[in-house]
């Protein structure tokens, strides 16, 4: 891991296990803030991979089928938490295929830590010339170098997402198994 990433991980105060109910509640919190702000996006852009699930949830709640993806790679390998092997900076590896010129856009990611990914995305979005662009994340850490327009909540811990626990055919230990 690079030194900058190590500094951000060191600031985290432990780990928080998030349930699907937590995620749903925080998605609804984002929707409530958007409604209070009178912001209704015409297009939703997810930052893949981690932003795909919250972006899809927001799209369903909003009834918006205009969901597109930009892939930004920061990590070199798929590992969790402090074991991640990160590049020095994020890189766009899949560009937006939708023409968003003149449209109201909501960009969604799962979390903002350093802010590097969202800063890169912000520069990229301005090249695409939307009428308006706003940013939403499920979780914002207080030391983030980018402040999204909407976030579910601010956390100091490192989140363990329910969707990242489904790997290697191992059932999430928090899951309830119903015998048939």
N, C-alpha and C. Protein backbone atom coordinates (compact mmCIF):
# COMPACT_ATOMS: atom_id res chain seq x y z
N UNK A 1 0.86 -1.18 0.00
CA UNK A 1 0.00 0.00 0.00
C UNK A 1 0.90 1.24 0.00
N UNK A 2 0.48 2.29 -0.69
CA UNK A 2 1.29 3.51 -0.72
C UNK A 2 1.12 4.30 0.57
N UNK A 3 2.04 5.22 0.81
CA UNK A 3 2.07 5.97 2.08
C UNK A 3 0.81 6.82 2.29
N UNK A 4 0.30 7.42 1.24
CA UNK A 4 -0.90 8.25 1.37
C UNK A 4 -2.08 7.40 1.83
N UNK A 5 -2.25 6.24 1.20
CA UNK A 5 -3.34 5.35 1.59
C UNK A 5 -3.17 4.87 3.03
N UNK A 6 -1.96 4.57 3.42
CA UNK A 6 -1.69 4.13 4.80
C UNK A 6 -2.14 5.19 5.80
N UNK A 7 -1.91 6.46 5.47
CA UNK A 7 -2.31 7.56 6.36
C UNK A 7 -3.83 7.57 6.56
N UNK A 8 -4.58 7.37 5.48
CA UNK A 8 -6.04 7.37 5.58
C UNK A 8 -6.55 6.16 6.34
N UNK A 9 -5.98 4.99 6.08
CA UNK A 9 -6.39 3.80 6.82
C UNK A 9 -6.08 3.94 8.30
N UNK A 10 -4.96 4.56 8.62
CA UNK A 10 -4.57 4.74 10.02
C UNK A 10 -5.56 5.63 10.77
N UNK A 11 -6.24 6.51 10.08
CA UNK A 11 -7.22 7.41 10.72
C UNK A 11 -8.50 6.68 11.10
N UNK A 12 -8.78 5.58 10.42
CA UNK A 12 -10.01 4.83 10.71
C UNK A 12 -9.97 4.29 12.12
N UNK A 13 -11.12 4.36 12.79
CA UNK A 13 -11.24 3.91 14.18
C UNK A 13 -11.91 2.54 14.22
N UNK A 14 -11.21 1.54 13.74
CA UNK A 14 -11.75 0.19 13.75
C UNK A 14 -12.60 -0.10 12.53
N UNK A 15 -13.42 -1.12 12.66
CA UNK A 15 -14.26 -1.60 11.55
C UNK A 15 -15.72 -1.58 12.01
N UNK A 16 -16.61 -1.26 11.09
CA UNK A 16 -18.04 -1.35 11.37
C UNK A 16 -18.65 -2.34 10.37
N UNK A 17 -19.35 -3.35 10.90
CA UNK A 17 -20.06 -4.32 10.07
C UNK A 17 -21.40 -3.73 9.70
N UNK A 18 -21.62 -3.56 8.42
CA UNK A 18 -22.88 -2.99 7.94
C UNK A 18 -23.80 -4.10 7.45
N UNK A 19 -25.06 -3.99 7.78
CA UNK A 19 -26.06 -4.94 7.30
C UNK A 19 -26.74 -4.35 6.07
N UNK A 20 -27.51 -5.19 5.39
CA UNK A 20 -28.30 -4.68 4.27
C UNK A 20 -29.30 -3.63 4.77
N UNK A 21 -29.81 -3.82 5.96
CA UNK A 21 -30.75 -2.84 6.54
C UNK A 21 -30.05 -1.49 6.74
N UNK A 22 -28.80 -1.50 7.19
CA UNK A 22 -28.03 -0.25 7.35
C UNK A 22 -27.91 0.46 6.00
N UNK A 23 -27.54 -0.32 4.99
CA UNK A 23 -27.34 0.25 3.65
C UNK A 23 -28.65 0.82 3.11
N UNK A 24 -29.75 0.08 3.27
CA UNK A 24 -31.06 0.56 2.81
C UNK A 24 -31.44 1.86 3.51
N UNK A 25 -31.22 1.91 4.81
CA UNK A 25 -31.54 3.12 5.58
C UNK A 25 -30.71 4.30 5.09
N UNK A 26 -29.45 4.08 4.80
CA UNK A 26 -28.59 5.18 4.34
C UNK A 26 -28.92 5.61 2.91
N UNK A 27 -29.35 4.68 2.08
CA UNK A 27 -29.82 5.04 0.73
C UNK A 27 -31.06 5.92 0.85
N UNK A 28 -31.98 5.54 1.72
CA UNK A 28 -33.19 6.35 1.91
C UNK A 28 -32.86 7.72 2.49
N UNK A 29 -31.82 7.79 3.32
CA UNK A 29 -31.36 9.08 3.85
C UNK A 29 -30.85 9.99 2.73
N UNK A 30 -30.15 9.41 1.77
CA UNK A 30 -29.67 10.17 0.61
C UNK A 30 -30.86 10.69 -0.19
N UNK A 31 -31.85 9.82 -0.43
CA UNK A 31 -33.05 10.21 -1.18
C UNK A 31 -33.76 11.38 -0.49
N UNK A 32 -33.88 11.29 0.82
CA UNK A 32 -34.55 12.34 1.59
C UNK A 32 -33.81 13.68 1.41
N UNK A 33 -32.50 13.66 1.46
CA UNK A 33 -31.71 14.89 1.27
C UNK A 33 -31.85 15.43 -0.15
N UNK A 34 -31.90 14.52 -1.13
CA UNK A 34 -32.07 14.96 -2.52
C UNK A 34 -33.44 15.61 -2.71
N UNK A 35 -34.47 15.01 -2.11
CA UNK A 35 -35.82 15.57 -2.22
C UNK A 35 -35.88 16.96 -1.56
N UNK A 36 -35.24 17.10 -0.38
CA UNK A 36 -35.21 18.40 0.30
C UNK A 36 -34.48 19.44 -0.53
N UNK A 37 -33.51 18.98 -1.30
CA UNK A 37 -32.71 19.85 -2.17
C UNK A 37 -33.41 20.06 -3.53
N UNK A 38 -34.53 19.35 -3.74
CA UNK A 38 -35.27 19.41 -5.00
C UNK A 38 -34.40 19.00 -6.18
N UNK A 39 -33.54 18.01 -5.96
CA UNK A 39 -32.67 17.52 -7.03
C UNK A 39 -33.17 16.18 -7.52
N UNK A 40 -33.52 16.14 -8.80
CA UNK A 40 -33.98 14.91 -9.44
C UNK A 40 -33.11 14.68 -10.68
N UNK A 41 -32.18 13.72 -10.59
CA UNK A 41 -31.27 13.50 -11.71
C UNK A 41 -31.96 12.87 -12.91
N UNK A 42 -31.49 13.26 -14.08
CA UNK A 42 -31.96 12.63 -15.31
C UNK A 42 -31.15 11.37 -15.60
N UNK A 43 -29.90 11.37 -15.12
CA UNK A 43 -28.97 10.27 -15.35
C UNK A 43 -28.24 9.98 -14.04
N UNK A 44 -28.04 8.70 -13.76
CA UNK A 44 -27.22 8.28 -12.62
C UNK A 44 -25.98 7.60 -13.17
N UNK A 45 -24.82 8.00 -12.66
CA UNK A 45 -23.56 7.41 -13.09
C UNK A 45 -22.90 6.77 -11.87
N UNK A 46 -22.69 5.48 -11.98
CA UNK A 46 -22.04 4.73 -10.91
C UNK A 46 -20.54 4.68 -11.15
N UNK A 47 -19.79 4.77 -10.06
CA UNK A 47 -18.35 4.51 -10.14
C UNK A 47 -18.18 3.03 -9.81
N UNK A 48 -17.74 2.27 -10.79
CA UNK A 48 -17.59 0.82 -10.60
C UNK A 48 -16.24 0.51 -9.98
N UNK A 49 -16.26 -0.52 -9.20
CA UNK A 49 -17.29 -1.49 -8.91
C UNK A 49 -18.08 -1.11 -7.67
N UNK A 50 -17.44 -0.53 -6.71
CA UNK A 50 -18.07 -0.35 -5.40
C UNK A 50 -19.31 0.51 -5.40
N UNK A 51 -19.45 1.41 -6.34
CA UNK A 51 -20.63 2.26 -6.38
C UNK A 51 -21.83 1.64 -7.07
N UNK A 52 -21.63 0.47 -7.68
CA UNK A 52 -22.72 -0.14 -8.44
C UNK A 52 -23.95 -0.47 -7.60
N UNK A 53 -23.73 -1.04 -6.45
CA UNK A 53 -24.87 -1.47 -5.62
C UNK A 53 -25.65 -0.27 -5.08
N UNK A 54 -24.98 0.72 -4.45
CA UNK A 54 -25.77 1.87 -4.01
C UNK A 54 -26.40 2.64 -5.18
N UNK A 55 -25.72 2.70 -6.32
CA UNK A 55 -26.29 3.40 -7.48
C UNK A 55 -27.54 2.68 -7.98
N UNK A 56 -27.50 1.36 -8.03
CA UNK A 56 -28.68 0.60 -8.46
C UNK A 56 -29.82 0.79 -7.47
N UNK A 57 -29.51 0.79 -6.18
CA UNK A 57 -30.56 0.99 -5.17
C UNK A 57 -31.19 2.37 -5.32
N UNK A 58 -30.36 3.39 -5.51
CA UNK A 58 -30.89 4.74 -5.71
C UNK A 58 -31.74 4.81 -6.98
N UNK A 59 -31.27 4.18 -8.05
CA UNK A 59 -32.01 4.20 -9.32
C UNK A 59 -33.39 3.56 -9.15
N UNK A 60 -33.45 2.44 -8.44
CA UNK A 60 -34.74 1.78 -8.22
C UNK A 60 -35.68 2.64 -7.39
N UNK A 61 -35.17 3.21 -6.31
CA UNK A 61 -36.03 4.04 -5.46
C UNK A 61 -36.53 5.26 -6.23
N UNK A 62 -35.66 5.85 -7.04
CA UNK A 62 -36.03 7.04 -7.81
C UNK A 62 -36.85 6.70 -9.05
N UNK A 63 -36.91 5.43 -9.42
CA UNK A 63 -37.61 5.04 -10.65
C UNK A 63 -36.87 5.51 -11.89
N UNK A 64 -35.55 5.60 -11.80
CA UNK A 64 -34.73 6.11 -12.89
C UNK A 64 -33.97 4.96 -13.55
N UNK A 65 -34.29 4.71 -14.82
CA UNK A 65 -33.63 3.62 -15.56
C UNK A 65 -32.36 4.07 -16.27
N UNK A 66 -32.05 5.33 -16.19
CA UNK A 66 -30.86 5.87 -16.85
C UNK A 66 -29.64 5.72 -15.93
N UNK A 67 -29.12 4.50 -15.82
CA UNK A 67 -27.98 4.18 -14.95
C UNK A 67 -26.81 3.73 -15.81
N UNK A 68 -25.69 4.43 -15.67
CA UNK A 68 -24.50 4.16 -16.48
C UNK A 68 -23.29 4.00 -15.56
N UNK A 69 -22.20 3.52 -16.13
CA UNK A 69 -21.02 3.17 -15.33
C UNK A 69 -19.75 3.81 -15.87
N UNK A 70 -18.93 4.30 -14.95
CA UNK A 70 -17.55 4.68 -15.22
C UNK A 70 -16.71 3.83 -14.28
N UNK A 71 -15.71 3.16 -14.83
CA UNK A 71 -14.86 2.32 -13.97
C UNK A 71 -13.59 3.09 -13.64
N UNK A 72 -13.34 3.21 -12.36
CA UNK A 72 -12.13 3.88 -11.88
C UNK A 72 -11.38 2.89 -11.01
N UNK A 73 -10.15 2.60 -11.38
CA UNK A 73 -9.33 1.66 -10.62
C UNK A 73 -8.35 2.40 -9.75
N UNK A 74 -8.38 2.05 -8.46
CA UNK A 74 -7.44 2.58 -7.47
C UNK A 74 -6.60 1.44 -6.92
N UNK A 75 -7.28 0.30 -6.69
CA UNK A 75 -6.56 -0.84 -6.13
C UNK A 75 -5.99 -1.71 -7.25
N UNK A 76 -4.82 -2.29 -6.95
CA UNK A 76 -4.14 -3.17 -7.92
C UNK A 76 -4.73 -4.58 -7.88
N UNK A 77 -5.14 -5.01 -6.69
CA UNK A 77 -5.68 -6.36 -6.51
C UNK A 77 -6.93 -6.28 -5.64
N UNK A 78 -7.73 -7.35 -5.67
CA UNK A 78 -8.94 -7.39 -4.85
C UNK A 78 -8.61 -7.92 -3.47
N UNK A 79 -8.45 -7.04 -2.53
CA UNK A 79 -8.23 -7.40 -1.13
C UNK A 79 -9.08 -6.48 -0.28
N UNK A 80 -9.24 -6.82 0.98
CA UNK A 80 -10.10 -6.04 1.85
C UNK A 80 -9.32 -5.15 2.79
N UNK A 81 -9.94 -4.01 3.14
CA UNK A 81 -9.42 -3.12 4.18
C UNK A 81 -7.97 -2.74 4.01
N UNK A 82 -7.22 -2.86 5.10
CA UNK A 82 -5.84 -2.40 5.12
C UNK A 82 -4.91 -3.29 4.30
N UNK A 83 -5.39 -4.43 3.83
CA UNK A 83 -4.58 -5.33 3.01
C UNK A 83 -4.56 -4.93 1.55
N UNK A 84 -5.32 -3.92 1.18
CA UNK A 84 -5.39 -3.51 -0.22
C UNK A 84 -4.03 -3.02 -0.73
N UNK A 85 -3.77 -3.32 -1.97
CA UNK A 85 -2.56 -2.85 -2.64
C UNK A 85 -3.02 -1.76 -3.61
N UNK A 86 -2.77 -0.50 -3.25
CA UNK A 86 -3.31 0.62 -4.02
C UNK A 86 -2.26 1.27 -4.91
N UNK A 87 -2.72 1.78 -6.03
CA UNK A 87 -1.88 2.61 -6.89
C UNK A 87 -1.71 3.97 -6.24
N UNK A 88 -0.81 4.77 -6.79
CA UNK A 88 -0.59 6.11 -6.25
C UNK A 88 -1.77 7.03 -6.50
N UNK A 89 -2.52 6.76 -7.56
CA UNK A 89 -3.68 7.58 -7.88
C UNK A 89 -4.69 6.75 -8.67
N UNK A 90 -5.94 7.14 -8.64
CA UNK A 90 -6.96 6.40 -9.41
C UNK A 90 -6.84 6.69 -10.90
N UNK A 91 -7.31 5.74 -11.70
CA UNK A 91 -7.27 5.85 -13.16
C UNK A 91 -8.61 5.43 -13.74
N UNK A 92 -9.12 6.18 -14.69
CA UNK A 92 -10.36 5.80 -15.39
C UNK A 92 -10.00 4.70 -16.38
N UNK A 93 -10.61 3.52 -16.21
CA UNK A 93 -10.33 2.39 -17.10
C UNK A 93 -11.53 2.02 -17.98
N UNK A 94 -12.68 2.64 -17.73
CA UNK A 94 -13.85 2.48 -18.59
C UNK A 94 -14.60 3.80 -18.57
N UNK A 95 -14.71 4.40 -19.73
CA UNK A 95 -15.34 5.71 -19.83
C UNK A 95 -16.86 5.61 -19.95
N UNK A 96 -17.49 6.73 -19.76
CA UNK A 96 -18.94 6.85 -19.86
C UNK A 96 -19.36 6.76 -21.32
N UNK A 97 -20.35 5.91 -21.61
CA UNK A 97 -20.82 5.75 -22.98
C UNK A 97 -22.01 6.65 -23.30
N UNK A 98 -22.66 7.16 -22.28
CA UNK A 98 -23.85 8.00 -22.44
C UNK A 98 -23.45 9.46 -22.66
N UNK A 99 -24.09 10.13 -23.60
CA UNK A 99 -23.91 11.57 -23.79
C UNK A 99 -24.72 12.28 -22.71
N UNK A 100 -24.06 12.98 -21.81
CA UNK A 100 -24.75 13.66 -20.70
C UNK A 100 -24.77 15.17 -20.86
N UNK A 101 -24.38 15.65 -22.03
CA UNK A 101 -24.38 17.09 -22.29
C UNK A 101 -25.76 17.68 -21.98
N UNK A 102 -25.78 18.68 -21.09
CA UNK A 102 -27.01 19.39 -20.76
C UNK A 102 -27.95 18.67 -19.80
N UNK A 103 -27.53 17.54 -19.24
CA UNK A 103 -28.40 16.77 -18.35
C UNK A 103 -28.02 16.95 -16.87
N UNK A 104 -28.97 16.66 -16.00
CA UNK A 104 -28.72 16.66 -14.55
C UNK A 104 -28.24 15.26 -14.16
N UNK A 105 -27.04 15.20 -13.58
CA UNK A 105 -26.38 13.91 -13.33
C UNK A 105 -26.11 13.72 -11.84
N UNK A 106 -26.35 12.51 -11.36
CA UNK A 106 -25.96 12.11 -10.02
C UNK A 106 -24.88 11.05 -10.16
N UNK A 107 -23.70 11.31 -9.59
CA UNK A 107 -22.60 10.35 -9.57
C UNK A 107 -22.61 9.66 -8.21
N UNK A 108 -22.51 8.32 -8.21
CA UNK A 108 -22.63 7.55 -6.98
C UNK A 108 -21.43 6.65 -6.76
N UNK A 109 -20.91 6.67 -5.52
CA UNK A 109 -19.89 5.73 -5.09
C UNK A 109 -20.27 5.25 -3.70
N UNK A 110 -19.59 4.23 -3.20
CA UNK A 110 -19.98 3.70 -1.90
C UNK A 110 -19.42 4.51 -0.75
N UNK A 111 -18.24 5.18 -0.96
CA UNK A 111 -17.60 5.87 0.16
C UNK A 111 -16.59 6.87 -0.35
N UNK A 112 -16.35 7.90 0.44
CA UNK A 112 -15.27 8.83 0.14
C UNK A 112 -14.31 8.81 1.33
N UNK A 113 -13.05 8.51 1.03
CA UNK A 113 -12.00 8.43 2.06
C UNK A 113 -11.02 9.57 1.83
N UNK A 114 -10.19 9.45 0.81
CA UNK A 114 -9.23 10.52 0.50
C UNK A 114 -9.87 11.57 -0.39
N UNK A 115 -10.80 11.14 -1.22
CA UNK A 115 -11.44 12.04 -2.17
C UNK A 115 -10.82 11.98 -3.56
N UNK A 116 -9.75 11.21 -3.72
CA UNK A 116 -9.05 11.16 -5.01
C UNK A 116 -9.93 10.67 -6.15
N UNK A 117 -10.72 9.63 -5.89
CA UNK A 117 -11.59 9.08 -6.94
C UNK A 117 -12.64 10.10 -7.35
N UNK A 118 -13.28 10.74 -6.38
CA UNK A 118 -14.33 11.71 -6.72
C UNK A 118 -13.75 12.98 -7.34
N UNK A 119 -12.55 13.37 -6.96
CA UNK A 119 -11.92 14.52 -7.60
C UNK A 119 -11.64 14.22 -9.08
N UNK A 120 -11.15 13.02 -9.35
CA UNK A 120 -10.91 12.61 -10.74
C UNK A 120 -12.23 12.58 -11.51
N UNK A 121 -13.25 12.02 -10.89
CA UNK A 121 -14.57 11.94 -11.54
C UNK A 121 -15.13 13.33 -11.80
N UNK A 122 -14.93 14.26 -10.87
CA UNK A 122 -15.42 15.62 -11.04
C UNK A 122 -14.76 16.29 -12.25
N UNK A 123 -13.48 16.11 -12.40
CA UNK A 123 -12.78 16.66 -13.58
C UNK A 123 -13.33 16.03 -14.86
N UNK A 124 -13.53 14.72 -14.84
CA UNK A 124 -14.05 13.99 -15.98
C UNK A 124 -15.47 14.45 -16.34
N UNK A 125 -16.31 14.62 -15.34
CA UNK A 125 -17.69 15.04 -15.59
C UNK A 125 -17.73 16.42 -16.25
N UNK A 126 -16.86 17.33 -15.83
CA UNK A 126 -16.86 18.67 -16.43
C UNK A 126 -16.49 18.64 -17.90
N UNK A 127 -15.71 17.67 -18.31
CA UNK A 127 -15.38 17.49 -19.73
C UNK A 127 -16.63 17.09 -20.51
N UNK A 128 -17.53 16.35 -19.85
CA UNK A 128 -18.75 15.85 -20.49
C UNK A 128 -19.86 16.89 -20.55
N UNK A 129 -19.68 18.02 -19.86
CA UNK A 129 -20.57 19.17 -19.95
C UNK A 129 -22.04 18.92 -19.58
N UNK A 130 -22.29 18.33 -18.41
CA UNK A 130 -23.69 18.20 -17.98
C UNK A 130 -24.24 19.55 -17.53
N UNK A 131 -25.53 19.68 -17.45
CA UNK A 131 -26.15 20.92 -16.94
C UNK A 131 -25.82 21.07 -15.46
N UNK A 132 -25.84 19.93 -14.75
CA UNK A 132 -25.58 19.93 -13.31
C UNK A 132 -25.08 18.55 -12.93
N UNK A 133 -24.13 18.49 -12.02
CA UNK A 133 -23.65 17.21 -11.52
C UNK A 133 -23.56 17.28 -10.00
N UNK A 134 -24.11 16.26 -9.35
CA UNK A 134 -24.04 16.16 -7.89
C UNK A 134 -23.50 14.78 -7.55
N UNK A 135 -22.94 14.69 -6.35
CA UNK A 135 -22.26 13.46 -5.92
C UNK A 135 -22.92 12.90 -4.67
N UNK A 136 -23.08 11.57 -4.65
CA UNK A 136 -23.65 10.88 -3.49
C UNK A 136 -22.79 9.68 -3.14
N UNK A 137 -22.56 9.49 -1.85
CA UNK A 137 -21.87 8.30 -1.34
C UNK A 137 -22.66 7.78 -0.14
N UNK A 138 -22.57 6.51 0.09
CA UNK A 138 -23.21 5.96 1.29
C UNK A 138 -22.53 6.49 2.54
N UNK A 139 -21.19 6.50 2.51
CA UNK A 139 -20.44 6.86 3.72
C UNK A 139 -19.32 7.83 3.40
N UNK A 140 -19.18 8.82 4.27
CA UNK A 140 -18.16 9.84 4.15
C UNK A 140 -17.31 9.82 5.41
N UNK A 141 -16.01 9.76 5.23
CA UNK A 141 -15.14 9.87 6.40
C UNK A 141 -14.84 11.35 6.62
N UNK A 142 -14.72 11.78 7.90
CA UNK A 142 -14.61 13.21 8.20
C UNK A 142 -13.37 13.89 7.62
N UNK A 143 -12.35 13.13 7.32
CA UNK A 143 -11.10 13.70 6.78
C UNK A 143 -11.04 13.65 5.26
N UNK A 144 -12.13 13.27 4.62
CA UNK A 144 -12.15 13.17 3.16
C UNK A 144 -11.80 14.50 2.51
N UNK A 145 -11.03 14.42 1.46
CA UNK A 145 -10.61 15.61 0.72
C UNK A 145 -11.61 16.03 -0.34
N UNK A 146 -12.79 15.45 -0.36
CA UNK A 146 -13.87 15.81 -1.28
C UNK A 146 -15.16 15.66 -0.51
N UNK A 147 -15.99 16.69 -0.55
CA UNK A 147 -17.27 16.62 0.16
C UNK A 147 -18.39 16.41 -0.86
N UNK A 148 -19.02 15.22 -0.83
CA UNK A 148 -20.13 14.97 -1.74
C UNK A 148 -21.35 15.79 -1.35
N UNK A 149 -22.23 15.98 -2.31
CA UNK A 149 -23.46 16.73 -2.05
C UNK A 149 -24.37 15.96 -1.10
N UNK A 150 -24.35 14.63 -1.21
CA UNK A 150 -25.21 13.79 -0.39
C UNK A 150 -24.42 12.60 0.12
N UNK A 151 -24.69 12.24 1.38
CA UNK A 151 -24.11 11.01 1.92
C UNK A 151 -25.05 10.45 2.97
N UNK A 152 -25.04 9.13 3.10
CA UNK A 152 -25.91 8.47 4.06
C UNK A 152 -25.55 8.84 5.48
N UNK A 153 -24.26 8.74 5.78
CA UNK A 153 -23.78 9.17 7.09
C UNK A 153 -22.26 9.28 7.08
N UNK A 154 -21.78 10.00 8.06
CA UNK A 154 -20.34 10.15 8.24
C UNK A 154 -19.88 9.10 9.24
N UNK A 155 -18.81 8.40 8.90
CA UNK A 155 -18.28 7.36 9.79
C UNK A 155 -16.78 7.52 9.94
N UNK A 156 -16.27 7.14 11.09
CA UNK A 156 -14.83 7.16 11.33
C UNK A 156 -14.23 5.75 11.20
N UNK A 157 -15.10 4.74 11.18
CA UNK A 157 -14.65 3.36 11.06
C UNK A 157 -14.48 2.98 9.59
N UNK A 158 -13.83 1.84 9.37
CA UNK A 158 -13.72 1.29 8.03
C UNK A 158 -14.91 0.34 7.84
N UNK A 159 -15.76 0.58 6.82
CA UNK A 159 -16.97 -0.23 6.67
C UNK A 159 -16.70 -1.60 6.06
N UNK A 160 -17.41 -2.59 6.57
CA UNK A 160 -17.42 -3.92 5.99
C UNK A 160 -18.81 -4.08 5.39
N UNK A 161 -18.89 -4.03 4.06
CA UNK A 161 -20.18 -4.04 3.36
C UNK A 161 -20.75 -5.45 3.27
N UNK A 162 -22.06 -5.56 3.31
CA UNK A 162 -22.65 -6.90 3.22
C UNK A 162 -22.34 -7.59 1.89
N UNK A 163 -22.23 -6.85 0.80
CA UNK A 163 -21.97 -7.47 -0.50
C UNK A 163 -20.52 -7.92 -0.66
N UNK A 164 -19.61 -7.41 0.14
CA UNK A 164 -18.21 -7.84 0.03
C UNK A 164 -17.94 -9.10 0.85
N UNK A 165 -18.92 -9.54 1.61
CA UNK A 165 -18.76 -10.75 2.41
C UNK A 165 -19.13 -12.01 1.64
N UNK A 166 -19.75 -11.85 0.49
CA UNK A 166 -20.14 -13.00 -0.32
C UNK A 166 -19.03 -13.33 -1.30
N UNK A 167 -18.05 -14.09 -0.85
CA UNK A 167 -16.92 -14.42 -1.72
C UNK A 167 -16.46 -15.84 -1.44
N UNK A 168 -15.85 -16.43 -2.43
CA UNK A 168 -15.31 -17.79 -2.31
C UNK A 168 -16.34 -18.80 -1.83
N UNK A 169 -17.60 -18.60 -2.24
CA UNK A 169 -18.70 -19.50 -1.88
C UNK A 169 -18.87 -19.65 -0.37
N UNK A 170 -18.46 -18.66 0.39
CA UNK A 170 -18.63 -18.67 1.84
C UNK A 170 -19.80 -17.76 2.18
N UNK A 171 -20.77 -18.28 2.87
CA UNK A 171 -21.94 -17.51 3.23
C UNK A 171 -21.59 -16.52 4.33
N UNK A 172 -22.05 -15.33 4.21
CA UNK A 172 -21.86 -14.29 5.23
C UNK A 172 -22.38 -14.86 6.56
N UNK A 173 -21.55 -14.86 7.61
CA UNK A 173 -21.99 -15.42 8.89
C UNK A 173 -23.19 -14.70 9.49
N UNK A 174 -23.48 -13.49 9.02
CA UNK A 174 -24.64 -12.75 9.52
C UNK A 174 -25.94 -13.20 8.86
N UNK A 175 -25.82 -13.99 7.77
CA UNK A 175 -27.00 -14.42 7.02
C UNK A 175 -27.80 -15.44 7.81
N UNK A 176 -29.11 -15.36 7.66
CA UNK A 176 -30.01 -16.32 8.28
C UNK A 176 -30.34 -17.38 7.24
N UNK A 177 -30.08 -18.63 7.57
CA UNK A 177 -30.35 -19.73 6.65
C UNK A 177 -31.67 -20.38 7.03
N UNK A 178 -32.56 -20.46 6.06
CA UNK A 178 -33.87 -21.08 6.29
C UNK A 178 -33.82 -22.48 5.70
N UNK A 179 -34.04 -23.48 6.56
CA UNK A 179 -34.05 -24.88 6.12
C UNK A 179 -35.37 -25.15 5.42
N UNK A 180 -35.31 -25.90 4.33
CA UNK A 180 -36.54 -26.27 3.58
C UNK A 180 -36.91 -27.69 3.88
